[in-house]
Amino acid sequence: MRGRIPGIGDSFLKSADPKQTREWSSKHLGLAGKGLVLVRPWRENGETQEKHVTVWSVFPAASKCMDPSPAPFMINYMVDEVDAILERLKLEGVKIDEKRSE
């Protein structure tokens, strides 16, 4: 099937205490990094050559980084064929924001 999601590229979270949330995520989830960004390297299906990274960013609760959405989190998926998955979602009645970056 075209338009496959092999993994999560980025996760963005808002937190009342970003430092504590990053420390907890590092200790309990095995994420590593400094500042706003923590990362988790991984390989797909035991692949030994290609290495991927999932980014975990924690922002202050008042951050405008996800505007205009009021959500306290955002997840960006890795997609092998963006146009294919968007077309399939449209056919299923999902509202697609025309603004996008690749």
PDB file of N, CA and C in Angstrom:
ATOM      1  N   MET A   1       0.843  -1.175   0.000  1.00  0.00           N
ATOM      2  CA  MET A   1       0.000   0.000   0.000  1.00  0.00           C
ATOM      3  C   MET A   1       0.892   1.243   0.000  1.00  0.00           C
ATOM      4  N   ARG A   2       0.549   2.192  -0.828  1.00  0.00           N
ATOM      5  CA  ARG A   2       1.282   3.459  -0.866  1.00  0.00           C
ATOM      6  C   ARG A   2       0.860   4.318   0.319  1.00  0.00           C
ATOM      7  N   GLY A   3       1.755   5.165   0.792  1.00  0.00           N
ATOM      8  CA  GLY A   3       1.440   6.048   1.903  1.00  0.00           C
ATOM      9  C   GLY A   3       1.565   5.356   3.246  1.00  0.00           C
ATOM     10  N   ARG A   4       2.693   4.751   3.471  1.00  0.00           N
ATOM     11  CA  ARG A   4       2.947   3.996   4.703  1.00  0.00           C
ATOM     12  C   ARG A   4       3.611   4.900   5.739  1.00  0.00           C
ATOM     13  N   ILE A   5       3.308   4.674   7.006  1.00  0.00           N
ATOM     14  CA  ILE A   5       3.915   5.424   8.105  1.00  0.00           C
ATOM     15  C   ILE A   5       4.893   4.489   8.820  1.00  0.00           C
ATOM     16  N   PRO A   6       6.199   4.626   8.534  1.00  0.00           N
ATOM     17  CA  PRO A   6       7.164   3.733   9.171  1.00  0.00           C
ATOM     18  C   PRO A   6       7.544   4.115  10.601  1.00  0.00           C
ATOM     19  N   GLY A   7       7.209   5.345  11.029  1.00  0.00           N
ATOM     20  CA  GLY A   7       7.580   5.727  12.388  1.00  0.00           C
ATOM     21  C   GLY A   7       7.159   7.135  12.741  1.00  0.00           C
ATOM     22  N   ILE A   8       7.503   7.537  13.925  1.00  0.00           N
ATOM     23  CA  ILE A   8       7.221   8.888  14.415  1.00  0.00           C
ATOM     24  C   ILE A   8       8.503   9.697  14.279  1.00  0.00           C
ATOM     25  N   GLY A   9       8.395  10.851  13.612  1.00  0.00           N
ATOM     26  CA  GLY A   9       9.555  11.711  13.432  1.00  0.00           C
ATOM     27  C   GLY A   9       9.769  12.640  14.604  1.00  0.00           C
ATOM     28  N   ASP A  10       8.701  13.322  15.020  1.00  0.00           N
ATOM     29  CA  ASP A  10       8.810  14.320  16.077  1.00  0.00           C
ATOM     30  C   ASP A  10       7.584  14.265  16.985  1.00  0.00           C
ATOM     31  N   SER A  11       7.802  14.516  18.259  1.00  0.00           N
ATOM     32  CA  SER A  11       6.720  14.700  19.225  1.00  0.00           C
ATOM     33  C   SER A  11       6.992  16.014  19.944  1.00  0.00           C
ATOM     34  N   PHE A  12       6.003  16.879  19.992  1.00  0.00           N
ATOM     35  CA  PHE A  12       6.127  18.167  20.662  1.00  0.00           C
ATOM     36  C   PHE A  12       5.128  18.199  21.807  1.00  0.00           C
ATOM     37  N   LEU A  13       5.592  18.549  22.999  1.00  0.00           N
ATOM     38  CA  LEU A  13       4.739  18.576  24.180  1.00  0.00           C
ATOM     39  C   LEU A  13       4.850  19.929  24.861  1.00  0.00           C
ATOM     40  N   LYS A  14       3.737  20.381  25.428  1.00  0.00           N
ATOM     41  CA  LYS A  14       3.771  21.559  26.288  1.00  0.00           C
ATOM     42  C   LYS A  14       3.708  21.061  27.721  1.00  0.00           C
ATOM     43  N   SER A  15       4.452  21.719  28.601  1.00  0.00           N
ATOM     44  CA  SER A  15       4.508  21.284  29.992  1.00  0.00           C
ATOM     45  C   SER A  15       4.611  22.489  30.921  1.00  0.00           C
ATOM     46  N   ALA A  16       3.960  22.377  32.080  1.00  0.00           N
ATOM     47  CA  ALA A  16       4.083  23.424  33.104  1.00  0.00           C
ATOM     48  C   ALA A  16       5.502  23.470  33.653  1.00  0.00           C
ATOM     49  N   ASP A  17       6.219  22.347  33.577  1.00  0.00           N
ATOM     50  CA  ASP A  17       7.597  22.283  34.046  1.00  0.00           C
ATOM     51  C   ASP A  17       8.427  21.516  33.013  1.00  0.00           C
ATOM     52  N   PRO A  18       8.840  22.190  31.918  1.00  0.00           N
ATOM     53  CA  PRO A  18       9.568  21.502  30.850  1.00  0.00           C
ATOM     54  C   PRO A  18      10.837  20.792  31.312  1.00  0.00           C
ATOM     55  N   LYS A  19      11.579  21.403  32.233  1.00  0.00           N
ATOM     56  CA  LYS A  19      12.818  20.785  32.714  1.00  0.00           C
ATOM     57  C   LYS A  19      12.526  19.447  33.389  1.00  0.00           C
ATOM     58  N   GLN A  20      11.533  19.431  34.260  1.00  0.00           N
ATOM     59  CA  GLN A  20      11.177  18.189  34.952  1.00  0.00           C
ATOM     60  C   GLN A  20      10.671  17.143  33.954  1.00  0.00           C
ATOM     61  N   THR A  21       9.876  17.565  32.980  1.00  0.00           N
ATOM     62  CA  THR A  21       9.350  16.633  31.977  1.00  0.00           C
ATOM     63  C   THR A  21      10.483  16.034  31.153  1.00  0.00           C
ATOM     64  N   ARG A  22      11.466  16.853  30.755  1.00  0.00           N
ATOM     65  CA  ARG A  22      12.620  16.340  30.005  1.00  0.00           C
ATOM     66  C   ARG A  22      13.424  15.359  30.856  1.00  0.00           C
ATOM     67  N   GLU A  23      13.645  15.694  32.125  1.00  0.00           N
ATOM     68  CA  GLU A  23      14.403  14.797  33.011  1.00  0.00           C
ATOM     69  C   GLU A  23      13.681  13.466  33.189  1.00  0.00           C
ATOM     70  N   TRP A  24      12.357  13.514  33.401  1.00  0.00           N
ATOM     71  CA  TRP A  24      11.569  12.297  33.553  1.00  0.00           C
ATOM     72  C   TRP A  24      11.632  11.461  32.277  1.00  0.00           C
ATOM     73  N   SER A  25      11.492  12.105  31.128  1.00  0.00           N
ATOM     74  CA  SER A  25      11.520  11.406  29.835  1.00  0.00           C
ATOM     75  C   SER A  25      12.875  10.762  29.585  1.00  0.00           C
ATOM     76  N   SER A  26      13.917  11.443  29.972  1.00  0.00           N
ATOM     77  CA  SER A  26      15.256  10.890  29.814  1.00  0.00           C
ATOM     78  C   SER A  26      15.445   9.666  30.704  1.00  0.00           C
ATOM     79  N   LYS A  27      15.070   9.792  31.970  1.00  0.00           N
ATOM     80  CA  LYS A  27      15.248   8.707  32.936  1.00  0.00           C
ATOM     81  C   LYS A  27      14.377   7.491  32.628  1.00  0.00           C
ATOM     82  N   HIS A  28      13.103   7.706  32.332  1.00  0.00           N
ATOM     83  CA  HIS A  28      12.159   6.598  32.214  1.00  0.00           C
ATOM     84  C   HIS A  28      11.920   6.107  30.787  1.00  0.00           C
ATOM     85  N   LEU A  29      12.193   6.961  29.800  1.00  0.00           N
ATOM     86  CA  LEU A  29      11.948   6.564  28.409  1.00  0.00           C
ATOM     87  C   LEU A  29      13.228   6.344  27.616  1.00  0.00           C
ATOM     88  N   GLY A  30      14.372   6.625  28.237  1.00  0.00           N
ATOM     89  CA  GLY A  30      15.644   6.400  27.565  1.00  0.00           C
ATOM     90  C   GLY A  30      15.973   7.424  26.498  1.00  0.00           C
ATOM     91  N   LEU A  31      15.358   8.598  26.571  1.00  0.00           N
ATOM     92  CA  LEU A  31      15.633   9.655  25.603  1.00  0.00           C
ATOM     93  C   LEU A  31      16.855  10.431  26.052  1.00  0.00           C
ATOM     94  N   ALA A  32      17.648  10.910  25.103  1.00  0.00           N
ATOM     95  CA  ALA A  32      18.876  11.634  25.438  1.00  0.00           C
ATOM     96  C   ALA A  32      18.926  12.953  24.689  1.00  0.00           C
ATOM     97  N   GLY A  33      19.589  13.944  25.253  1.00  0.00           N
ATOM     98  CA  GLY A  33      19.754  15.222  24.579  1.00  0.00           C
ATOM     99  C   GLY A  33      19.910  16.352  25.571  1.00  0.00           C
ATOM    100  N   LYS A  34      19.948  17.561  25.022  1.00  0.00           N
ATOM    101  CA  LYS A  34      20.106  18.752  25.849  1.00  0.00           C
ATOM    102  C   LYS A  34      19.104  19.804  25.402  1.00  0.00           C
ATOM    103  N   GLY A  35      18.832  20.751  26.279  1.00  0.00           N
ATOM    104  CA  GLY A  35      17.914  21.837  25.926  1.00  0.00           C
ATOM    105  C   GLY A  35      16.501  21.338  25.711  1.00  0.00           C
ATOM    106  N   LEU A  36      15.836  21.871  24.702  1.00  0.00           N
ATOM    107  CA  LEU A  36      14.452  21.501  24.433  1.00  0.00           C
ATOM    108  C   LEU A  36      14.308  20.129  23.788  1.00  0.00           C
ATOM    109  N   VAL A  37      15.381  19.627  23.193  1.00  0.00           N
ATOM    110  CA  VAL A  37      15.270  18.444  22.337  1.00  0.00           C
ATOM    111  C   VAL A  37      15.898  17.206  22.962  1.00  0.00           C
ATOM    112  N   LEU A  38      15.120  16.124  22.980  1.00  0.00           N
ATOM    113  CA  LEU A  38      15.602  14.794  23.346  1.00  0.00           C
ATOM    114  C   LEU A  38      15.419  13.918  22.111  1.00  0.00           C
ATOM    115  N   VAL A  39      16.250  12.919  21.939  1.00  0.00           N
ATOM    116  CA  VAL A  39      16.141  12.071  20.757  1.00  0.00           C
ATOM    117  C   VAL A  39      16.192  10.598  21.131  1.00  0.00           C
ATOM    118  N   ARG A  40      15.632   9.788  20.251  1.00  0.00           N
ATOM    119  CA  ARG A  40      15.666   8.336  20.411  1.00  0.00           C
ATOM    120  C   ARG A  40      16.008   7.730  19.053  1.00  0.00           C
ATOM    121  N   PRO A  41      17.250   7.237  18.872  1.00  0.00           N
ATOM    122  CA  PRO A  41      17.602   6.589  17.611  1.00  0.00           C
ATOM    123  C   PRO A  41      16.943   5.214  17.512  1.00  0.00           C
ATOM    124  N   TRP A  42      16.637   4.786  16.283  1.00  0.00           N
ATOM    125  CA  TRP A  42      16.039   3.471  16.067  1.00  0.00           C
ATOM    126  C   TRP A  42      16.278   3.028  14.623  1.00  0.00           C
ATOM    127  N   ARG A  43      16.093   1.735  14.410  1.00  0.00           N
ATOM    128  CA  ARG A  43      16.199   1.153  13.071  1.00  0.00           C
ATOM    129  C   ARG A  43      14.908   0.426  12.765  1.00  0.00           C
ATOM    130  N   GLU A  44      14.524   0.453  11.508  1.00  0.00           N
ATOM    131  CA  GLU A  44      13.268  -0.168  11.090  1.00  0.00           C
ATOM    132  C   GLU A  44      13.450  -1.667  10.832  1.00  0.00           C
ATOM    133  N   ASN A  45      12.610  -2.477  11.459  1.00  0.00           N
ATOM    134  CA  ASN A  45      12.565  -3.927  11.216  1.00  0.00           C
ATOM    135  C   ASN A  45      13.933  -4.595  11.203  1.00  0.00           C
ATOM    136  N   GLY A  46      14.778  -4.249  12.145  1.00  0.00           N
ATOM    137  CA  GLY A  46      16.076  -4.883  12.236  1.00  0.00           C
ATOM    138  C   GLY A  46      17.073  -4.430  11.185  1.00  0.00           C
ATOM    139  N   GLU A  47      16.719  -3.409  10.407  1.00  0.00           N
ATOM    140  CA  GLU A  47      17.630  -2.868   9.387  1.00  0.00           C
ATOM    141  C   GLU A  47      18.926  -2.424  10.057  1.00  0.00           C
ATOM    142  N   THR A  48      20.054  -2.803   9.486  1.00  0.00           N
ATOM    143  CA  THR A  48      21.330  -2.457  10.108  1.00  0.00           C
ATOM    144  C   THR A  48      21.978  -1.218   9.506  1.00  0.00           C
ATOM    145  N   GLN A  49      21.593  -0.821   8.311  1.00  0.00           N
ATOM    146  CA  GLN A  49      22.237   0.306   7.641  1.00  0.00           C
ATOM    147  C   GLN A  49      21.591   1.652   7.967  1.00  0.00           C
ATOM    148  N   GLU A  50      20.294   1.758   7.757  1.00  0.00           N
ATOM    149  CA  GLU A  50      19.621   3.044   7.900  1.00  0.00           C
ATOM    150  C   GLU A  50      19.147   3.279   9.331  1.00  0.00           C
ATOM    151  N   LYS A  51      19.598   4.390   9.904  1.00  0.00           N
ATOM    152  CA  LYS A  51      19.253   4.735  11.275  1.00  0.00           C
ATOM    153  C   LYS A  51      18.298   5.930  11.254  1.00  0.00           C
ATOM    154  N   HIS A  52      17.236   5.853  12.022  1.00  0.00           N
ATOM    155  CA  HIS A  52      16.266   6.936  12.135  1.00  0.00           C
ATOM    156  C   HIS A  52      16.372   7.558  13.531  1.00  0.00           C
ATOM    157  N   VAL A  53      15.806   8.740  13.678  1.00  0.00           N
ATOM    158  CA  VAL A  53      15.782   9.404  14.977  1.00  0.00           C
ATOM    159  C   VAL A  53      14.397   9.976  15.205  1.00  0.00           C
ATOM    160  N   THR A  54      13.824   9.704  16.361  1.00  0.00           N
ATOM    161  CA  THR A  54      12.580  10.351  16.775  1.00  0.00           C
ATOM    162  C   THR A  54      12.954  11.460  17.742  1.00  0.00           C
ATOM    163  N   VAL A  55      12.432  12.653  17.482  1.00  0.00           N
ATOM    164  CA  VAL A  55      12.730  13.832  18.297  1.00  0.00           C
ATOM    165  C   VAL A  55      11.578  14.059  19.271  1.00  0.00           C
ATOM    166  N   TRP A  56      11.899  14.349  20.505  1.00  0.00           N
ATOM    167  CA  TRP A  56      10.940  14.587  21.584  1.00  0.00           C
ATOM    168  C   TRP A  56      11.260  15.974  22.132  1.00  0.00           C
ATOM    169  N   SER A  57      10.415  16.971  21.832  1.00  0.00           N
ATOM    170  CA  SER A  57      10.666  18.349  22.268  1.00  0.00           C
ATOM    171  C   SER A  57       9.627  18.764  23.302  1.00  0.00           C
ATOM    172  N   VAL A  58      10.099  19.344  24.395  1.00  0.00           N
ATOM    173  CA  VAL A  58       9.215  19.790  25.476  1.00  0.00           C
ATOM    174  C   VAL A  58       9.313  21.313  25.578  1.00  0.00           C
ATOM    175  N   PHE A  59       8.165  21.966  25.498  1.00  0.00           N
ATOM    176  CA  PHE A  59       8.086  23.427  25.524  1.00  0.00           C
ATOM    177  C   PHE A  59       7.303  23.894  26.749  1.00  0.00           C
ATOM    178  N   PRO A  60       7.504  25.138  27.163  1.00  0.00           N
ATOM    179  CA  PRO A  60       6.688  25.700  28.255  1.00  0.00           C
ATOM    180  C   PRO A  60       5.200  25.700  27.864  1.00  0.00           C
ATOM    181  N   ALA A  61       4.333  25.574  28.845  1.00  0.00           N
ATOM    182  CA  ALA A  61       2.888  25.512  28.598  1.00  0.00           C
ATOM    183  C   ALA A  61       2.369  26.717  27.816  1.00  0.00           C
ATOM    184  N   ALA A  62       2.975  27.884  27.987  1.00  0.00           N
ATOM    185  CA  ALA A  62       2.523  29.098  27.303  1.00  0.00           C
ATOM    186  C   ALA A  62       3.089  29.239  25.897  1.00  0.00           C
ATOM    187  N   SER A  63       3.877  28.286  25.432  1.00  0.00           N
ATOM    188  CA  SER A  63       4.504  28.366  24.113  1.00  0.00           C
ATOM    189  C   SER A  63       3.450  28.469  23.014  1.00  0.00           C
ATOM    190  N   LYS A  64       3.774  29.215  21.980  1.00  0.00           N
ATOM    191  CA  LYS A  64       2.893  29.376  20.810  1.00  0.00           C
ATOM    192  C   LYS A  64       3.333  28.459  19.672  1.00  0.00           C
ATOM    193  N   CYS A  65       4.229  27.517  19.957  1.00  0.00           N
ATOM    194  CA  CYS A  65       4.840  26.694  18.911  1.00  0.00           C
ATOM    195  C   CYS A  65       3.843  25.845  18.125  1.00  0.00           C
ATOM    196  N   MET A  66       2.680  25.580  18.667  1.00  0.00           N
ATOM    197  CA  MET A  66       1.707  24.752  17.961  1.00  0.00           C
ATOM    198  C   MET A  66       0.504  25.545  17.454  1.00  0.00           C
ATOM    199  N   ASP A  67       0.567  26.864  17.596  1.00  0.00           N
ATOM    200  CA  ASP A  67      -0.533  27.696  17.123  1.00  0.00           C
ATOM    201  C   ASP A  67      -0.755  27.485  15.628  1.00  0.00           C
ATOM    202  N   PRO A  68      -1.988  27.502  15.151  1.00  0.00           N
ATOM    203  CA  PRO A  68      -3.186  27.933  15.856  1.00  0.00           C
ATOM    204  C   PRO A  68      -3.893  26.823  16.640  1.00  0.00           C
ATOM    205  N   SER A  69      -3.325  25.642  16.699  1.00  0.00           N
ATOM    206  CA  SER A  69      -3.963  24.562  17.440  1.00  0.00           C
ATOM    207  C   SER A  69      -3.881  24.818  18.945  1.00  0.00           C
ATOM    208  N   PRO A  70      -4.966  24.558  19.684  1.00  0.00           N
ATOM    209  CA  PRO A  70      -4.936  24.702  21.140  1.00  0.00           C
ATOM    210  C   PRO A  70      -4.408  23.442  21.842  1.00  0.00           C
ATOM    211  N   ALA A  71      -4.063  22.409  21.071  1.00  0.00           N
ATOM    212  CA  ALA A  71      -3.626  21.132  21.649  1.00  0.00           C
ATOM    213  C   ALA A  71      -2.326  21.286  22.435  1.00  0.00           C
ATOM    214  N   PRO A  72      -2.163  20.517  23.516  1.00  0.00           N
ATOM    215  CA  PRO A  72      -0.933  20.568  24.308  1.00  0.00           C
ATOM    216  C   PRO A  72       0.177  19.673  23.744  1.00  0.00           C
ATOM    217  N   PHE A  73      -0.069  19.018  22.606  1.00  0.00           N
ATOM    218  CA  PHE A  73       0.941  18.159  22.001  1.00  0.00           C
ATOM    219  C   PHE A  73       0.732  18.100  20.492  1.00  0.00           C
ATOM    220  N   MET A  74       1.768  17.676  19.776  1.00  0.00           N
ATOM    221  CA  MET A  74       1.689  17.484  18.331  1.00  0.00           C
ATOM    222  C   MET A  74       2.639  16.342  17.981  1.00  0.00           C
ATOM    223  N   ILE A  75       2.207  15.480  17.068  1.00  0.00           N
ATOM    224  CA  ILE A  75       3.030  14.366  16.625  1.00  0.00           C
ATOM    225  C   ILE A  75       3.193  14.469  15.115  1.00  0.00           C
ATOM    226  N   ASN A  76       4.431  14.402  14.651  1.00  0.00           N
ATOM    227  CA  ASN A  76       4.723  14.384  13.219  1.00  0.00           C
ATOM    228  C   ASN A  76       5.142  12.972  12.848  1.00  0.00           C
ATOM    229  N   TYR A  77       4.429  12.386  11.911  1.00  0.00           N
ATOM    230  CA  TYR A  77       4.728  11.030  11.475  1.00  0.00           C
ATOM    231  C   TYR A  77       5.706  11.047  10.307  1.00  0.00           C
ATOM    232  N   MET A  78       6.544  10.042  10.240  1.00  0.00           N
ATOM    233  CA  MET A  78       7.370   9.817   9.055  1.00  0.00           C
ATOM    234  C   MET A  78       6.451   9.131   8.048  1.00  0.00           C
ATOM    235  N   VAL A  79       6.439   9.611   6.817  1.00  0.00           N
ATOM    236  CA  VAL A  79       5.564   9.046   5.787  1.00  0.00           C
ATOM    237  C   VAL A  79       6.385   8.819   4.531  1.00  0.00           C
ATOM    238  N   ASP A  80       6.259   7.634   3.923  1.00  0.00           N
ATOM    239  CA  ASP A  80       7.057   7.370   2.730  1.00  0.00           C
ATOM    240  C   ASP A  80       6.506   8.072   1.489  1.00  0.00           C
ATOM    241  N   GLU A  81       5.186   8.236   1.384  1.00  0.00           N
ATOM    242  CA  GLU A  81       4.582   8.938   0.248  1.00  0.00           C
ATOM    243  C   GLU A  81       3.463   9.834   0.772  1.00  0.00           C
ATOM    244  N   VAL A  82       3.819  11.082   1.085  1.00  0.00           N
ATOM    245  CA  VAL A  82       2.877  12.026   1.680  1.00  0.00           C
ATOM    246  C   VAL A  82       1.621  12.200   0.833  1.00  0.00           C
ATOM    247  N   ASP A  83       1.773  12.410  -0.474  1.00  0.00           N
ATOM    248  CA  ASP A  83       0.599  12.637  -1.332  1.00  0.00           C
ATOM    249  C   ASP A  83      -0.365  11.456  -1.295  1.00  0.00           C
ATOM    250  N   ALA A  84       0.165  10.249  -1.279  1.00  0.00           N
ATOM    251  CA  ALA A  84      -0.685   9.052  -1.252  1.00  0.00           C
ATOM    252  C   ALA A  84      -1.483   8.963   0.044  1.00  0.00           C
ATOM    253  N   ILE A  85      -0.838   9.198   1.175  1.00  0.00           N
ATOM    254  CA  ILE A  85      -1.562   9.088   2.442  1.00  0.00           C
ATOM    255  C   ILE A  85      -2.574  10.221   2.601  1.00  0.00           C
ATOM    256  N   LEU A  86      -2.228  11.438   2.139  1.00  0.00           N
ATOM    257  CA  LEU A  86      -3.188  12.544   2.222  1.00  0.00           C
ATOM    258  C   LEU A  86      -4.408  12.282   1.355  1.00  0.00           C
ATOM    259  N   GLU A  87      -4.198  11.744   0.177  1.00  0.00           N
ATOM    260  CA  GLU A  87      -5.324  11.429  -0.704  1.00  0.00           C
ATOM    261  C   GLU A  87      -6.229  10.370  -0.067  1.00  0.00           C
ATOM    262  N   ARG A  88      -5.632   9.351   0.524  1.00  0.00           N
ATOM    263  CA  ARG A  88      -6.415   8.300   1.180  1.00  0.00           C
ATOM    264  C   ARG A  88      -7.206   8.879   2.353  1.00  0.00           C
ATOM    265  N   LEU A  89      -6.591   9.738   3.138  1.00  0.00           N
ATOM    266  CA  LEU A  89      -7.286  10.356   4.272  1.00  0.00           C
ATOM    267  C   LEU A  89      -8.438  11.245   3.796  1.00  0.00           C
ATOM    268  N   LYS A  90      -8.219  12.010   2.721  1.00  0.00           N
ATOM    269  CA  LYS A  90      -9.298  12.846   2.162  1.00  0.00           C
ATOM    270  C   LYS A  90     -10.483  11.987   1.747  1.00  0.00           C
ATOM    271  N   LEU A  91     -10.208  10.857   1.096  1.00  0.00           N
ATOM    272  CA  LEU A  91     -11.275   9.956   0.661  1.00  0.00           C
ATOM    273  C   LEU A  91     -12.059   9.392   1.844  1.00  0.00           C
ATOM    274  N   GLU A  92     -11.412   9.321   3.001  1.00  0.00           N
ATOM    275  CA  GLU A  92     -12.057   8.812   4.214  1.00  0.00           C
ATOM    276  C   GLU A  92     -12.733   9.923   5.014  1.00  0.00           C
ATOM    277  N   GLY A  93     -12.732  11.159   4.462  1.00  0.00           N
ATOM    278  CA  GLY A  93     -13.434  12.262   5.107  1.00  0.00           C
ATOM    279  C   GLY A  93     -12.632  13.051   6.117  1.00  0.00           C
ATOM    280  N   VAL A  94     -11.316  12.824   6.175  1.00  0.00           N
ATOM    281  CA  VAL A  94     -10.476  13.550   7.117  1.00  0.00           C
ATOM    282  C   VAL A  94     -10.191  14.946   6.561  1.00  0.00           C
ATOM    283  N   LYS A  95     -10.354  15.975   7.412  1.00  0.00           N
ATOM    284  CA  LYS A  95     -10.049  17.344   7.006  1.00  0.00           C
ATOM    285  C   LYS A  95      -8.536  17.512   6.984  1.00  0.00           C
ATOM    286  N   ILE A  96      -8.010  17.943   5.847  1.00  0.00           N
ATOM    287  CA  ILE A  96      -6.575  18.105   5.673  1.00  0.00           C
ATOM    288  C   ILE A  96      -6.236  19.582   5.626  1.00  0.00           C
ATOM    289  N   ASP A  97      -5.312  20.014   6.464  1.00  0.00           N
ATOM    290  CA  ASP A  97      -4.819  21.388   6.444  1.00  0.00           C
ATOM    291  C   ASP A  97      -3.924  21.503   5.211  1.00  0.00           C
ATOM    292  N   GLU A  98      -4.241  22.418   4.323  1.00  0.00           N
ATOM    293  CA  GLU A  98      -3.479  22.565   3.074  1.00  0.00           C
ATOM    294  C   GLU A  98      -2.062  23.070   3.321  1.00  0.00           C
ATOM    295  N   LYS A  99      -1.808  23.692   4.460  1.00  0.00           N
ATOM    296  CA  LYS A  99      -0.464  24.184   4.796  1.00  0.00           C
ATOM    297  C   LYS A  99       0.385  22.998   5.250  1.00  0.00           C
ATOM    298  N   ARG A 100       1.523  22.787   4.591  1.00  0.00           N
ATOM    299  CA  ARG A 100       2.378  21.677   4.987  1.00  0.00           C
ATOM    300  C   ARG A 100       3.829  21.976   4.660  1.00  0.00           C
ATOM    301  N   SER A 101       4.710  21.260   5.325  1.00  0.00           N
ATOM    302  CA  SER A 101       6.142  21.367   5.050  1.00  0.00           C
ATOM    303  C   SER A 101       6.693  19.956   4.911  1.00  0.00           C
ATOM    304  N   GLU A 102       7.680  19.816   4.092  1.00  0.00           N
ATOM    305  CA  GLU A 102       8.273  18.488   3.863  1.00  0.00           C
ATOM    306  C   GLU A 102       9.750  18.544   4.131  1.00  0.00           C
TER     307      GLU A 102
END
